[in-house]
Amino acid sequence: MNTPQRSFPTGRDTLGWRKVFGVFGPSTNTVVEPEFAAMRPAGVTNQYRDIYIENAKALSDAAFMAGAEIIQAAVDDALRTAMTCEPDYYVMGVSAIAFIGGAAACERTIRHVEKFTGKGVSVGPQSCVEALKAYGGIQRIAVLSPYYPVANQHVARFFADHGYETVRDLPLRCKSWTDISRVTEPQIAQALRQLDGDDIDAIVQVGTNLSMARMAPWAEIFLGKPVIAINTATYWHALRSCGIRDAVEGFGPLLAHMDLKRD
């Protein structure tokens, strides 16, 4: 990996001399911060700010959607906190609220954050679409999530709005927000095998508290097709949107060499 030379530019953040990212996600999320940190190239810092939410203990279809509404309502408070450190760019570390309502609703979320902060933002759903484009040749997908069936319906609608058919999906139905981070790699591997088939071109994992960034490249090898982890896609999108093209090893082709495909 080629590390850029540090030039101590005047007026730049000492550690984030290339970019300071304002990362915002649920206070129950323990995966986004360490996974993004592992992907961070030199001269970029991730300033994580919480979206406060209680840890729901008995999730269901209805409770999951109600919890998503609570997260959505608390986003602006997290953004206000993040804005105080004057980041250059924002990275959304929660995905469910940006899937709900399909592509149009996701676009409204992006526009709202941009207007509210005056800066650009990368969100998980749109980042996954850009990742699918970067791989190329993908039309039919399977989706793995920690969500409940009603939320997966919104995920499938979002991808359909972008021209991708969700052939099948698997909601893991985690019982609390924190239980999402406790899904093990063997459980994920079993789920990926269950989703795989000759009728799909790729698998997309959603749900930012489900840790799959390190596992996805290995899954690509044993399944022989793209496996996109949402945290990898989101951080890749943020870096590339900011003109940072460093090769970061250990997270698959996206961060190793792929660039955004601009229409």
Foldseek 3Di string as FASTA:
>chain_A
DDADDDDPDPPADPFLNQWEEEEEDAPLFPFLVVVLVLLDGGNYYYHYFHQYDDKFQADAQVNQVVRLVSSVVSVLVRLVVSCVVPTQEYEYLWALNLLAPADVSVVVVQVVSCVSRVHGYFYLLVLVVQVDVQVDPFAEEEEEECAYPVSVVSNQRNVVVVRHHHPYYDHNPQGILNVQLVQDPVNVLVVVVVRDDPVGQEYEYDGSSNDCQLPQQVSCVVRVHHYHYRSVSRSLVVCQVSVHLDQNPRRDDSSRGTHGDDD
